[in-house]
Structures are given as structure tokens and as C-alpha cells.
PDB file of N, CA and C in Angstrom:
ATOM      1  N   MET A   1     103.702  82.844  55.822  1.00  0.00           N
ATOM      2  CA  MET A   1     104.335  84.124  55.605  1.00  0.00           C
ATOM      3  C   MET A   1     105.845  83.969  55.553  1.00  0.00           C
ATOM      4  N   LEU A   2     106.476  85.028  55.124  1.00  0.00           N
ATOM      5  CA  LEU A   2     107.924  85.012  55.042  1.00  0.00           C
ATOM      6  C   LEU A   2     108.511  85.136  56.438  1.00  0.00           C
ATOM      7  N   GLN A   3     109.452  84.319  56.751  1.00  0.00           N
ATOM      8  CA  GLN A   3     110.119  84.348  58.053  1.00  0.00           C
ATOM      9  C   GLN A   3     111.468  85.029  57.921  1.00  0.00           C
ATOM     10  N   ARG A   4     111.514  86.052  57.135  1.00  0.00           N
ATOM     11  CA  ARG A   4     112.766  86.729  56.857  1.00  0.00           C
ATOM     12  C   ARG A   4     112.855  88.019  57.683  1.00  0.00           C
ATOM     13  N   LYS A   5     114.044  88.308  58.173  1.00  0.00           N
ATOM     14  CA  LYS A   5     114.271  89.533  58.928  1.00  0.00           C
ATOM     15  C   LYS A   5     114.680  90.637  57.960  1.00  0.00           C
ATOM     16  N   TRP A   6     114.060  91.800  58.108  1.00  0.00           N
ATOM     17  CA  TRP A   6     114.328  92.928  57.238  1.00  0.00           C
ATOM     18  C   TRP A   6     115.051  94.005  58.058  1.00  0.00           C
ATOM     19  N   PRO A   7     116.395  94.035  58.047  1.00  0.00           N
ATOM     20  CA  PRO A   7     117.132  94.991  58.875  1.00  0.00           C
ATOM     21  C   PRO A   7     116.922  96.448  58.472  1.00  0.00           C
ATOM     22  N   VAL A   8     116.481  96.668  57.236  1.00  0.00           N
ATOM     23  CA  VAL A   8     116.280  98.038  56.790  1.00  0.00           C
ATOM     24  C   VAL A   8     115.194  98.731  57.620  1.00  0.00           C
ATOM     25  N   PHE A   9     114.240  97.979  58.138  1.00  0.00           N
ATOM     26  CA  PHE A   9     113.187  98.567  58.952  1.00  0.00           C
ATOM     27  C   PHE A   9     113.676  98.993  60.332  1.00  0.00           C
ATOM     28  N   ASP A  10     114.825  98.513  60.746  1.00  0.00           N
ATOM     29  CA  ASP A  10     115.410  98.961  62.014  1.00  0.00           C
ATOM     30  C   ASP A  10     115.954 100.385  61.895  1.00  0.00           C
ATOM     31  N   TYR A  11     116.320 100.788  60.692  1.00  0.00           N
ATOM     32  CA  TYR A  11     116.904 102.103  60.471  1.00  0.00           C
ATOM     33  C   TYR A  11     115.857 103.151  60.090  1.00  0.00           C
ATOM     34  N   LEU A  12     114.830 102.718  59.435  1.00  0.00           N
ATOM     35  CA  LEU A  12     113.807 103.644  58.977  1.00  0.00           C
ATOM     36  C   LEU A  12     112.808 103.915  60.088  1.00  0.00           C
ATOM     37  N   LYS A  13     112.600 105.180  60.358  1.00  0.00           N
ATOM     38  CA  LYS A  13     111.612 105.578  61.360  1.00  0.00           C
ATOM     39  C   LYS A  13     110.815 106.740  60.792  1.00  0.00           C
ATOM     40  N   PRO A  14     109.563 106.818  61.128  1.00  0.00           N
ATOM     41  CA  PRO A  14     108.795 107.964  60.630  1.00  0.00           C
ATOM     42  C   PRO A  14     109.305 109.259  61.263  1.00  0.00           C
ATOM     43  N   GLN A  15     109.228 110.358  60.505  1.00  0.00           N
ATOM     44  CA  GLN A  15     109.687 111.636  61.024  1.00  0.00           C
ATOM     45  C   GLN A  15     108.767 112.098  62.142  1.00  0.00           C
ATOM     46  N   ARG A  16     109.383 112.714  63.137  1.00  0.00           N
ATOM     47  CA  ARG A  16     108.591 113.255  64.235  1.00  0.00           C
ATOM     48  C   ARG A  16     107.875 114.514  63.775  1.00  0.00           C
ATOM     49  N   GLU A  17     106.728 114.706  64.342  1.00  0.00           N
ATOM     50  CA  GLU A  17     105.971 115.905  64.024  1.00  0.00           C
ATOM     51  C   GLU A  17     106.618 117.089  64.733  1.00  0.00           C
ATOM     52  N   LYS A  18     106.834 118.174  63.995  1.00  0.00           N
ATOM     53  CA  LYS A  18     107.485 119.343  64.580  1.00  0.00           C
ATOM     54  C   LYS A  18     106.422 120.283  65.136  1.00  0.00           C
ATOM     55  N   HIS A  19     106.650 120.734  66.375  1.00  0.00           N
ATOM     56  CA  HIS A  19     105.728 121.656  67.032  1.00  0.00           C
ATOM     57  C   HIS A  19     106.414 123.001  67.218  1.00  0.00           C
ATOM     58  N   LEU A  20     105.672 124.049  67.094  1.00  0.00           N
ATOM     59  CA  LEU A  20     106.212 125.380  67.366  1.00  0.00           C
ATOM     60  C   LEU A  20     106.329 125.580  68.868  1.00  0.00           C
ATOM     61  N   PRO A  21     107.365 126.297  69.313  1.00  0.00           N
ATOM     62  CA  PRO A  21     107.500 126.539  70.757  1.00  0.00           C
ATOM     63  C   PRO A  21     106.421 127.496  71.255  1.00  0.00           C
ATOM     64  N   CYS A  22     106.145 127.419  72.530  1.00  0.00           N
ATOM     65  CA  CYS A  22     105.185 128.317  73.155  1.00  0.00           C
ATOM     66  C   CYS A  22     105.837 129.699  73.278  1.00  0.00           C
ATOM     67  N   VAL A  23     105.163 130.712  72.768  1.00  0.00           N
ATOM     68  CA  VAL A  23     105.710 132.056  72.753  1.00  0.00           C
ATOM     69  C   VAL A  23     104.872 132.944  73.661  1.00  0.00           C
ATOM     70  N   LEU A  24     105.554 133.734  74.494  1.00  0.00           N
ATOM     71  CA  LEU A  24     104.851 134.659  75.373  1.00  0.00           C
ATOM     72  C   LEU A  24     104.363 135.869  74.592  1.00  0.00           C
ATOM     73  N   THR A  25     103.227 136.391  74.998  1.00  0.00           N
ATOM     74  CA  THR A  25     102.741 137.618  74.376  1.00  0.00           C
ATOM     75  C   THR A  25     103.519 138.795  74.953  1.00  0.00           C
ATOM     76  N   GLN A  26     103.428 139.947  74.304  1.00  0.00           N
ATOM     77  CA  GLN A  26     104.127 141.138  74.788  1.00  0.00           C
ATOM     78  C   GLN A  26     103.610 141.531  76.174  1.00  0.00           C
ATOM     79  N   GLU A  27     102.328 141.344  76.386  1.00  0.00           N
ATOM     80  CA  GLU A  27     101.741 141.676  77.699  1.00  0.00           C
ATOM     81  C   GLU A  27     102.305 140.762  78.793  1.00  0.00           C
ATOM     82  N   ASP A  28     102.464 139.469  78.497  1.00  0.00           N
ATOM     83  CA  ASP A  28     103.045 138.530  79.471  1.00  0.00           C
ATOM     84  C   ASP A  28     104.471 138.934  79.815  1.00  0.00           C
ATOM     85  N   VAL A  29     105.227 139.320  78.787  1.00  0.00           N
ATOM     86  CA  VAL A  29     106.617 139.707  78.998  1.00  0.00           C
ATOM     87  C   VAL A  29     106.702 140.948  79.884  1.00  0.00           C
ATOM     88  N   ARG A  30     105.786 141.868  79.714  1.00  0.00           N
ATOM     89  CA  ARG A  30     105.790 143.086  80.540  1.00  0.00           C
ATOM     90  C   ARG A  30     105.389 142.799  81.984  1.00  0.00           C
ATOM     91  N   ARG A  31     104.530 141.808  82.184  1.00  0.00           N
ATOM     92  CA  ARG A  31     104.052 141.515  83.538  1.00  0.00           C
ATOM     93  C   ARG A  31     105.031 140.692  84.373  1.00  0.00           C
ATOM     94  N   ILE A  32     105.853 139.880  83.765  1.00  0.00           N
ATOM     95  CA  ILE A  32     106.734 138.973  84.515  1.00  0.00           C
ATOM     96  C   ILE A  32     107.669 139.720  85.462  1.00  0.00           C
ATOM     97  N   PRO A  33     108.423 140.739  85.021  1.00  0.00           N
ATOM     98  CA  PRO A  33     109.321 141.416  85.964  1.00  0.00           C
ATOM     99  C   PRO A  33     108.597 142.080  87.140  1.00  0.00           C
ATOM    100  N   GLY A  34     107.342 142.415  86.968  1.00  0.00           N
ATOM    101  CA  GLY A  34     106.583 143.025  88.049  1.00  0.00           C
ATOM    102  C   GLY A  34     106.310 142.083  89.212  1.00  0.00           C
ATOM    103  N   HIS A  35     106.413 140.799  88.976  1.00  0.00           N
ATOM    104  CA  HIS A  35     106.158 139.812  90.020  1.00  0.00           C
ATOM    105  C   HIS A  35     107.430 139.389  90.767  1.00  0.00           C
ATOM    106  N   VAL A  36     108.580 139.872  90.317  1.00  0.00           N
ATOM    107  CA  VAL A  36     109.844 139.521  90.961  1.00  0.00           C
ATOM    108  C   VAL A  36     110.033 140.424  92.177  1.00  0.00           C
ATOM    109  N   LYS A  37     110.322 139.835  93.323  1.00  0.00           N
ATOM    110  CA  LYS A  37     110.378 140.581  94.581  1.00  0.00           C
ATOM    111  C   LYS A  37     111.724 141.266  94.835  1.00  0.00           C
ATOM    112  N   THR A  38     112.831 140.593  94.577  1.00  0.00           N
ATOM    113  CA  THR A  38     114.142 141.149  94.923  1.00  0.00           C
ATOM    114  C   THR A  38     114.773 141.827  93.716  1.00  0.00           C
ATOM    115  N   PHE A  39     115.535 142.873  93.993  1.00  0.00           N
ATOM    116  CA  PHE A  39     116.129 143.658  92.912  1.00  0.00           C
ATOM    117  C   PHE A  39     117.124 142.849  92.097  1.00  0.00           C
ATOM    118  N   HIS A  40     117.964 142.043  92.761  1.00  0.00           N
ATOM    119  CA  HIS A  40     118.980 141.312  91.997  1.00  0.00           C
ATOM    120  C   HIS A  40     118.339 140.275  91.065  1.00  0.00           C
ATOM    121  N   ASN A  41     117.213 139.677  91.464  1.00  0.00           N
ATOM    122  CA  ASN A  41     116.513 138.758  90.568  1.00  0.00           C
ATOM    123  C   ASN A  41     115.868 139.517  89.405  1.00  0.00           C
ATOM    124  N   TYR A  42     115.340 140.695  89.706  1.00  0.00           N
ATOM    125  CA  TYR A  42     114.757 141.539  88.661  1.00  0.00           C
ATOM    126  C   TYR A  42     115.825 141.924  87.640  1.00  0.00           C
ATOM    127  N   ALA A  43     116.984 142.328  88.126  1.00  0.00           N
ATOM    128  CA  ALA A  43     118.075 142.729  87.232  1.00  0.00           C
ATOM    129  C   ALA A  43     118.554 141.532  86.394  1.00  0.00           C
ATOM    130  N   PHE A  44     118.649 140.372  87.006  1.00  0.00           N
ATOM    131  CA  PHE A  44     119.080 139.168  86.298  1.00  0.00           C
ATOM    132  C   PHE A  44     118.091 138.830  85.187  1.00  0.00           C
ATOM    133  N   LEU A  45     116.813 138.780  85.514  1.00  0.00           N
ATOM    134  CA  LEU A  45     115.792 138.427  84.543  1.00  0.00           C
ATOM    135  C   LEU A  45     115.732 139.430  83.399  1.00  0.00           C
ATOM    136  N   THR A  46     115.811 140.708  83.738  1.00  0.00           N
ATOM    137  CA  THR A  46     115.762 141.753  82.723  1.00  0.00           C
ATOM    138  C   THR A  46     116.971 141.666  81.805  1.00  0.00           C
ATOM    139  N   THR A  47     118.142 141.399  82.371  1.00  0.00           N
ATOM    140  CA  THR A  47     119.352 141.264  81.564  1.00  0.00           C
ATOM    141  C   THR A  47     119.250 140.080  80.614  1.00  0.00           C
ATOM    142  N   VAL A  48     118.792 138.953  81.122  1.00  0.00           N
ATOM    143  CA  VAL A  48     118.658 137.747  80.295  1.00  0.00           C
ATOM    144  C   VAL A  48     117.699 138.004  79.141  1.00  0.00           C
ATOM    145  N   TYR A  49     116.550 138.588  79.441  1.00  0.00           N
ATOM    146  CA  TYR A  49     115.553 138.788  78.384  1.00  0.00           C
ATOM    147  C   TYR A  49     115.996 139.851  77.377  1.00  0.00           C
ATOM    148  N   THR A  50     116.490 140.973  77.879  1.00  0.00           N
ATOM    149  CA  THR A  50     116.850 142.074  76.989  1.00  0.00           C
ATOM    150  C   THR A  50     118.021 141.715  76.081  1.00  0.00           C
ATOM    151  N   CYS A  51     119.013 141.030  76.625  1.00  0.00           N
ATOM    152  CA  CYS A  51     120.204 140.700  75.832  1.00  0.00           C
ATOM    153  C   CYS A  51     120.040 139.405  75.039  1.00  0.00           C
ATOM    154  N   GLY A  52     118.988 138.641  75.316  1.00  0.00           N
ATOM    155  CA  GLY A  52     118.772 137.397  74.580  1.00  0.00           C
ATOM    156  C   GLY A  52     119.762 136.312  74.959  1.00  0.00           C
ATOM    157  N   ILE A  53     120.173 136.304  76.217  1.00  0.00           N
ATOM    158  CA  ILE A  53     121.146 135.308  76.694  1.00  0.00           C
ATOM    159  C   ILE A  53     120.384 134.075  77.163  1.00  0.00           C
ATOM    160  N   ARG A  54     120.918 132.918  76.885  1.00  0.00           N
ATOM    161  CA  ARG A  54     120.338 131.687  77.423  1.00  0.00           C
ATOM    162  C   ARG A  54     120.586 131.648  78.926  1.00  0.00           C
ATOM    163  N   LEU A  55     119.690 130.998  79.656  1.00  0.00           N
ATOM    164  CA  LEU A  55     119.799 130.977  81.118  1.00  0.00           C
ATOM    165  C   LEU A  55     121.122 130.373  81.571  1.00  0.00           C
ATOM    166  N   GLN A  56     121.533 129.288  80.955  1.00  0.00           N
ATOM    167  CA  GLN A  56     122.780 128.640  81.352  1.00  0.00           C
ATOM    168  C   GLN A  56     123.969 129.558  81.104  1.00  0.00           C
ATOM    169  N   GLU A  57     123.930 130.318  80.015  1.00  0.00           N
ATOM    170  CA  GLU A  57     125.005 131.267  79.737  1.00  0.00           C
ATOM    171  C   GLU A  57     125.016 132.370  80.786  1.00  0.00           C
ATOM    172  N   ALA A  58     123.852 132.845  81.140  1.00  0.00           N
ATOM    173  CA  ALA A  58     123.752 133.940  82.107  1.00  0.00           C
ATOM    174  C   ALA A  58     124.250 133.522  83.489  1.00  0.00           C
ATOM    175  N   LEU A  59     124.102 132.269  83.827  1.00  0.00           N
ATOM    176  CA  LEU A  59     124.570 131.790  85.130  1.00  0.00           C
ATOM    177  C   LEU A  59     126.091 131.839  85.239  1.00  0.00           C
ATOM    178  N   HIS A  60     126.785 131.817  84.113  1.00  0.00           N
ATOM    179  CA  HIS A  60     128.255 131.829  84.128  1.00  0.00           C
ATOM    180  C   HIS A  60     128.852 133.224  83.965  1.00  0.00           C
ATOM    181  N   ILE A  61     128.008 134.243  83.778  1.00  0.00           N
ATOM    182  CA  ILE A  61     128.528 135.602  83.600  1.00  0.00           C
ATOM    183  C   ILE A  61     129.100 136.114  84.911  1.00  0.00           C
ATOM    184  N   GLN A  62     130.267 136.747  84.824  1.00  0.00           N
ATOM    185  CA  GLN A  62     130.903 137.369  85.984  1.00  0.00           C
ATOM    186  C   GLN A  62     131.073 138.851  85.698  1.00  0.00           C
ATOM    187  N   VAL A  63     131.357 139.612  86.726  1.00  0.00           N
ATOM    188  CA  VAL A  63     131.499 141.057  86.569  1.00  0.00           C
ATOM    189  C   VAL A  63     132.596 141.385  85.562  1.00  0.00           C
ATOM    190  N   SER A  64     133.658 140.623  85.541  1.00  0.00           N
ATOM    191  CA  SER A  64     134.763 140.886  84.612  1.00  0.00           C
ATOM    192  C   SER A  64     134.363 140.652  83.149  1.00  0.00           C
ATOM    193  N   ASP A  65     133.237 139.976  82.918  1.00  0.00           N
ATOM    194  CA  ASP A  65     132.762 139.734  81.555  1.00  0.00           C
ATOM    195  C   ASP A  65     131.999 140.922  80.985  1.00  0.00           C
ATOM    196  N   ILE A  66     131.681 141.909  81.817  1.00  0.00           N
ATOM    197  CA  ILE A  66     130.926 143.074  81.368  1.00  0.00           C
ATOM    198  C   ILE A  66     131.919 144.174  81.008  1.00  0.00           C
ATOM    199  N   ASP A  67     131.991 144.501  79.724  1.00  0.00           N
ATOM    200  CA  ASP A  67     132.894 145.528  79.224  1.00  0.00           C
ATOM    201  C   ASP A  67     132.090 146.808  79.031  1.00  0.00           C
ATOM    202  N   THR A  68     132.218 147.742  79.986  1.00  0.00           N
ATOM    203  CA  THR A  68     131.427 148.968  79.938  1.00  0.00           C
ATOM    204  C   THR A  68     131.960 149.959  78.912  1.00  0.00           C
ATOM    205  N   GLU A  69     133.217 149.862  78.555  1.00  0.00           N
ATOM    206  CA  GLU A  69     133.777 150.782  77.558  1.00  0.00           C
ATOM    207  C   GLU A  69     133.260 150.460  76.155  1.00  0.00           C
ATOM    208  N   ARG A  70     133.265 149.183  75.814  1.00  0.00           N
ATOM    209  CA  ARG A  70     132.784 148.773  74.487  1.00  0.00           C
ATOM    210  C   ARG A  70     131.308 148.403  74.503  1.00  0.00           C
ATOM    211  N   MET A  71     130.687 148.423  75.692  1.00  0.00           N
ATOM    212  CA  MET A  71     129.270 148.088  75.863  1.00  0.00           C
ATOM    213  C   MET A  71     128.967 146.674  75.342  1.00  0.00           C
ATOM    214  N   LEU A  72     129.746 145.695  75.869  1.00  0.00           N
ATOM    215  CA  LEU A  72     129.585 144.292  75.481  1.00  0.00           C
ATOM    216  C   LEU A  72     129.574 143.399  76.706  1.00  0.00           C
ATOM    217  N   ILE A  73     128.910 142.268  76.583  1.00  0.00           N
ATOM    218  CA  ILE A  73     128.975 141.205  77.590  1.00  0.00           C
ATOM    219  C   ILE A  73     129.653 140.021  76.921  1.00  0.00           C
ATOM    220  N   HIS A  74     130.714 139.517  77.532  1.00  0.00           N
ATOM    221  CA  HIS A  74     131.414 138.355  76.996  1.00  0.00           C
ATOM    222  C   HIS A  74     130.799 137.111  77.624  1.00  0.00           C
ATOM    223  N   VAL A  75     130.185 136.297  76.790  1.00  0.00           N
ATOM    224  CA  VAL A  75     129.510 135.082  77.258  1.00  0.00           C
ATOM    225  C   VAL A  75     130.448 133.906  77.047  1.00  0.00           C
ATOM    226  N   HIS A  76     130.732 133.188  78.130  1.00  0.00           N
ATOM    227  CA  HIS A  76     131.592 132.000  78.067  1.00  0.00           C
ATOM    228  C   HIS A  76     130.718 130.753  78.045  1.00  0.00           C
ATOM    229  N   ARG A  77     131.242 129.706  77.474  1.00  0.00           N
ATOM    230  CA  ARG A  77     130.581 128.394  77.462  1.00  0.00           C
ATOM    231  C   ARG A  77     129.141 128.487  76.979  1.00  0.00           C
ATOM    232  N   GLY A  78     128.948 129.103  75.839  1.00  0.00           N
ATOM    233  CA  GLY A  78     127.614 129.202  75.257  1.00  0.00           C
ATOM    234  C   GLY A  78     127.232 127.910  74.577  1.00  0.00           C
ATOM    235  N   LYS A  79     126.258 127.990  73.695  1.00  0.00           N
ATOM    236  CA  LYS A  79     125.802 126.811  72.971  1.00  0.00           C
ATOM    237  C   LYS A  79     126.961 126.252  72.149  1.00  0.00           C
ATOM    238  N   GLY A  80     127.213 124.979  72.293  1.00  0.00           N
ATOM    239  CA  GLY A  80     128.333 124.357  71.602  1.00  0.00           C
ATOM    240  C   GLY A  80     129.671 124.721  72.224  1.00  0.00           C
ATOM    241  N   THR A  81     129.654 125.122  73.489  1.00  0.00           N
ATOM    242  CA  THR A  81     130.833 125.565  74.254  1.00  0.00           C
ATOM    243  C   THR A  81     131.622 126.641  73.507  1.00  0.00           C
ATOM    244  N   LYS A  82     130.914 127.543  72.861  1.00  0.00           N
ATOM    245  CA  LYS A  82     131.551 128.646  72.149  1.00  0.00           C
ATOM    246  C   LYS A  82     131.388 129.935  72.941  1.00  0.00           C
ATOM    247  N   ASP A  83     132.383 130.795  72.834  1.00  0.00           N
ATOM    248  CA  ASP A  83     132.312 132.113  73.461  1.00  0.00           C
ATOM    249  C   ASP A  83     131.742 133.102  72.452  1.00  0.00           C
ATOM    250  N   ARG A  84     131.064 134.119  72.958  1.00  0.00           N
ATOM    251  CA  ARG A  84     130.548 135.163  72.078  1.00  0.00           C
ATOM    252  C   ARG A  84     130.393 136.457  72.849  1.00  0.00           C
ATOM    253  N   CYS A  85     130.311 137.555  72.130  1.00  0.00           N
ATOM    254  CA  CYS A  85     130.098 138.869  72.735  1.00  0.00           C
ATOM    255  C   CYS A  85     128.714 139.367  72.339  1.00  0.00           C
ATOM    256  N   ILE A  86     128.011 139.908  73.320  1.00  0.00           N
ATOM    257  CA  ILE A  86     126.646 140.384  73.120  1.00  0.00           C
ATOM    258  C   ILE A  86     126.609 141.869  73.425  1.00  0.00           C
ATOM    259  N   PRO A  87     125.905 142.668  72.616  1.00  0.00           N
ATOM    260  CA  PRO A  87     125.777 144.099  72.916  1.00  0.00           C
ATOM    261  C   PRO A  87     125.065 144.325  74.247  1.00  0.00           C
ATOM    262  N   LEU A  88     125.537 145.304  74.987  1.00  0.00           N
ATOM    263  CA  LEU A  88     124.965 145.640  76.291  1.00  0.00           C
ATOM    264  C   LEU A  88     124.220 146.969  76.174  1.00  0.00           C
ATOM    265  N   PRO A  89     122.889 146.949  76.229  1.00  0.00           N
ATOM    266  CA  PRO A  89     122.141 148.202  76.150  1.00  0.00           C
ATOM    267  C   PRO A  89     122.440 149.109  77.344  1.00  0.00           C
ATOM    268  N   GLU A  90     122.355 150.418  77.127  1.00  0.00           N
ATOM    269  CA  GLU A  90     122.675 151.373  78.183  1.00  0.00           C
ATOM    270  C   GLU A  90     121.725 151.266  79.363  1.00  0.00           C
ATOM    271  N   ASP A  91     120.443 150.999  79.115  1.00  0.00           N
ATOM    272  CA  ASP A  91     119.503 150.897  80.231  1.00  0.00           C
ATOM    273  C   ASP A  91     119.791 149.679  81.108  1.00  0.00           C
ATOM    274  N   ILE A  92     120.314 148.616  80.514  1.00  0.00           N
ATOM    275  CA  ILE A  92     120.690 147.442  81.307  1.00  0.00           C
ATOM    276  C   ILE A  92     121.952 147.740  82.104  1.00  0.00           C
ATOM    277  N   LEU A  93     122.895 148.461  81.521  1.00  0.00           N
ATOM    278  CA  LEU A  93     124.095 148.849  82.251  1.00  0.00           C
ATOM    279  C   LEU A  93     123.722 149.717  83.461  1.00  0.00           C
ATOM    280  N   ALA A  94     122.783 150.633  83.269  1.00  0.00           N
ATOM    281  CA  ALA A  94     122.333 151.470  84.389  1.00  0.00           C
ATOM    282  C   ALA A  94     121.676 150.626  85.467  1.00  0.00           C
ATOM    283  N   LEU A  95     120.996 149.564  85.064  1.00  0.00           N
ATOM    284  CA  LEU A  95     120.361 148.662  86.027  1.00  0.00           C
ATOM    285  C   LEU A  95     121.405 147.863  86.797  1.00  0.00           C
ATOM    286  N   LEU A  96     122.519 147.527  86.138  1.00  0.00           N
ATOM    287  CA  LEU A  96     123.559 146.706  86.765  1.00  0.00           C
ATOM    288  C   LEU A  96     124.620 147.531  87.492  1.00  0.00           C
ATOM    289  N   ARG A  97     124.573 148.844  87.384  1.00  0.00           N
ATOM    290  CA  ARG A  97     125.607 149.696  87.983  1.00  0.00           C
ATOM    291  C   ARG A  97     125.778 149.534  89.488  1.00  0.00           C
ATOM    292  N   PRO A  98     124.710 149.474  90.266  1.00  0.00           N
ATOM    293  CA  PRO A  98     124.921 149.392  91.713  1.00  0.00           C
ATOM    294  C   PRO A  98     125.815 148.200  92.077  1.00  0.00           C
ATOM    295  N   VAL A  99     126.791 148.457  92.889  1.00  0.00           N
ATOM    296  CA  VAL A  99     127.778 147.425  93.240  1.00  0.00           C
ATOM    297  C   VAL A  99     127.105 146.221  93.889  1.00  0.00           C
ATOM    298  N   LYS A 100     126.169 146.462  94.756  1.00  0.00           N
ATOM    299  CA  LYS A 100     125.486 145.352  95.418  1.00  0.00           C
ATOM    300  C   LYS A 100     124.779 144.465  94.402  1.00  0.00           C
ATOM    301  N   ALA A 101     124.084 145.076  93.473  1.00  0.00           N
ATOM    302  CA  ALA A 101     123.337 144.289  92.491  1.00  0.00           C
ATOM    303  C   ALA A 101     124.286 143.439  91.660  1.00  0.00           C
ATOM    304  N   MET A 102     125.382 144.014  91.200  1.00  0.00           N
ATOM    305  CA  MET A 102     126.310 143.261  90.354  1.00  0.00           C
ATOM    306  C   MET A 102     126.955 142.117  91.125  1.00  0.00           C
ATOM    307  N   SER A 103     127.340 142.367  92.362  1.00  0.00           N
ATOM    308  CA  SER A 103     128.011 141.300  93.104  1.00  0.00           C
ATOM    309  C   SER A 103     127.037 140.200  93.478  1.00  0.00           C
ATOM    310  N   LYS A 104     125.784 140.527  93.761  1.00  0.00           N
ATOM    311  CA  LYS A 104     124.809 139.488  94.081  1.00  0.00           C
ATOM    312  C   LYS A 104     124.452 138.684  92.844  1.00  0.00           C
ATOM    313  N   ILE A 105     124.284 139.373  91.724  1.00  0.00           N
ATOM    314  CA  ILE A 105     123.868 138.681  90.500  1.00  0.00           C
ATOM    315  C   ILE A 105     124.974 137.772  89.991  1.00  0.00           C
ATOM    316  N   PHE A 106     126.180 138.302  89.902  1.00  0.00           N
ATOM    317  CA  PHE A 106     127.242 137.566  89.235  1.00  0.00           C
ATOM    318  C   PHE A 106     128.244 136.929  90.191  1.00  0.00           C
ATOM    319  N   ARG A 107     127.956 136.914  91.467  1.00  0.00           N
ATOM    320  CA  ARG A 107     128.734 136.175  92.471  1.00  0.00           C
ATOM    321  C   ARG A 107     130.234 136.402  92.379  1.00  0.00           C
ATOM    322  N   GLU A 108     130.623 137.631  92.204  1.00  0.00           N
ATOM    323  CA  GLU A 108     132.050 137.934  92.171  1.00  0.00           C
ATOM    324  C   GLU A 108     132.261 139.278  92.847  1.00  0.00           C
ATOM    325  N   LYS A 109     133.271 139.359  93.685  1.00  0.00           N
ATOM    326  CA  LYS A 109     133.544 140.616  94.360  1.00  0.00           C
ATOM    327  C   LYS A 109     134.154 141.609  93.383  1.00  0.00           C
ATOM    328  N   ILE A 110     133.623 142.788  93.376  1.00  0.00           N
ATOM    329  CA  ILE A 110     134.115 143.821  92.479  1.00  0.00           C
ATOM    330  C   ILE A 110     135.324 144.485  93.117  1.00  0.00           C
ATOM    331  N   PRO A 111     136.436 144.601  92.392  1.00  0.00           N
ATOM    332  CA  PRO A 111     137.610 145.252  92.968  1.00  0.00           C
ATOM    333  C   PRO A 111     137.279 146.684  93.401  1.00  0.00           C
ATOM    334  N   GLY A 112     137.693 147.027  94.602  1.00  0.00           N
ATOM    335  CA  GLY A 112     137.463 148.368  95.122  1.00  0.00           C
ATOM    336  C   GLY A 112     136.100 148.570  95.733  1.00  0.00           C
ATOM    337  N   SER A 113     135.333 147.493  95.911  1.00  0.00           N
ATOM    338  CA  SER A 113     133.992 147.664  96.447  1.00  0.00           C
ATOM    339  C   SER A 113     133.958 147.619  97.975  1.00  0.00           C
ATOM    340  N   ASP A 114     135.026 147.138  98.608  1.00  0.00           N
ATOM    341  CA  ASP A 114     135.012 147.102 100.065  1.00  0.00           C
ATOM    342  C   ASP A 114     135.495 148.447 100.628  1.00  0.00           C
ATOM    343  N   GLU A 115     135.237 148.678 101.899  1.00  0.00           N
ATOM    344  CA  GLU A 115     135.518 149.967 102.535  1.00  0.00           C
ATOM    345  C   GLU A 115     137.014 150.287 102.536  1.00  0.00           C
ATOM    346  N   LYS A 116     137.865 149.293 102.782  1.00  0.00           N
ATOM    347  CA  LYS A 116     139.316 149.532 102.828  1.00  0.00           C
ATOM    348  C   LYS A 116     139.830 150.031 101.477  1.00  0.00           C
ATOM    349  N   SER A 117     139.377 149.390 100.400  1.00  0.00           N
ATOM    350  CA  SER A 117     139.835 149.793  99.065  1.00  0.00           C
ATOM    351  C   SER A 117     139.371 151.199  98.731  1.00  0.00           C
ATOM    352  N   ARG A 118     138.133 151.524  99.095  1.00  0.00           N
ATOM    353  CA  ARG A 118     137.615 152.855  98.787  1.00  0.00           C
ATOM    354  C   ARG A 118     138.388 153.914  99.557  1.00  0.00           C
ATOM    355  N   ASN A 119     138.712 153.649 100.816  1.00  0.00           N
ATOM    356  CA  ASN A 119     139.494 154.610 101.609  1.00  0.00           C
ATOM    357  C   ASN A 119     140.898 154.758 101.073  1.00  0.00           C
ATOM    358  N   ALA A 120     141.490 153.663 100.607  1.00  0.00           N
ATOM    359  CA  ALA A 120     142.840 153.704 100.070  1.00  0.00           C
ATOM    360  C   ALA A 120     142.889 154.538  98.787  1.00  0.00           C
ATOM    361  N   VAL A 121     141.824 154.463  97.989  1.00  0.00           N
ATOM    362  CA  VAL A 121     141.787 155.252  96.758  1.00  0.00           C
ATOM    363  C   VAL A 121     141.594 156.727  97.085  1.00  0.00           C
ATOM    364  N   ARG A 122     140.743 157.019  98.073  1.00  0.00           N
ATOM    365  CA  ARG A 122     140.489 158.409  98.450  1.00  0.00           C
ATOM    366  C   ARG A 122     141.678 159.052  99.131  1.00  0.00           C
ATOM    367  N   ASN A 123     142.345 158.287 100.020  1.00  0.00           N
ATOM    368  CA  ASN A 123     143.464 158.810 100.819  1.00  0.00           C
ATOM    369  C   ASN A 123     144.717 157.967 100.578  1.00  0.00           C
ATOM    370  N   PRO A 124     145.394 158.126  99.447  1.00  0.00           N
ATOM    371  CA  PRO A 124     146.597 157.323  99.225  1.00  0.00           C
ATOM    372  C   PRO A 124     147.659 157.634 100.256  1.00  0.00           C
ATOM    373  N   ALA A 125     148.385 156.613 100.690  1.00  0.00           N
ATOM    374  CA  ALA A 125     149.365 156.759 101.779  1.00  0.00           C
ATOM    375  C   ALA A 125     150.606 157.460 101.393  1.00  0.00           C
TER     376      ALA A 125
END
């Protein structure tokens, strides 16, 4: 036989077979939030699913990224380290309104959420 090395075969590889991703049914999607025990986890999961945010993007969201006037969420460090703005549905905003839920979910203290700040706003010196 030929004792020759064929370097072209080092570069050529058969194409991988492409598989479709596993997709949840509508019934599965409706049942998942019902199994979440804590409110802040429920709010996080609902926000991620409803807004179509990737999990890694959602982990970096802070309270200051939620623009309630324009109804947008500013996502930092998204796919390809790009920033983007996502529409914020009103029902999700209502879910995120409670101060406790927002601070637990997004790990940032909301200005004016402590007792001293609230008293200072109510009774200016």
C-alpha cells in the first residue's frame, strides 16, 4: 500500500448531525411556576420566561436596570457581551413592584427603601 500521509484528511471531518432542542409544552410551562415555593424565585422565573431573558443575563440584572417609565429592562453583558433593552410587560412590573421582592431578586438596595429614608421623605427637616 501507499505509505503516504494525506494531510487533507486532518482537516476534513464529517458534519455533525443537528438535533432539535427539547421544547416544553404549554402545559409544562404553566405547571413550573406552581412548584416554586418562595415568591422571589417565582418572580425571577416568571420574569425570565416572560421577557425571554437568558439565565446568565437575568443574574446580572439590577434594580437600576428596570426603567418603569419607558417599560424596559436594560440587559448588560448579554450574548456576545452586548447590551440590549427588552420590553417590560405591565403584569411583570406589577409582580416586581414590592420592594422586598425586587431587592431579593436583584441583590441591590433600592434607594428610599429603608425606614430612615422613608421618614425623611415624609417629614423633611
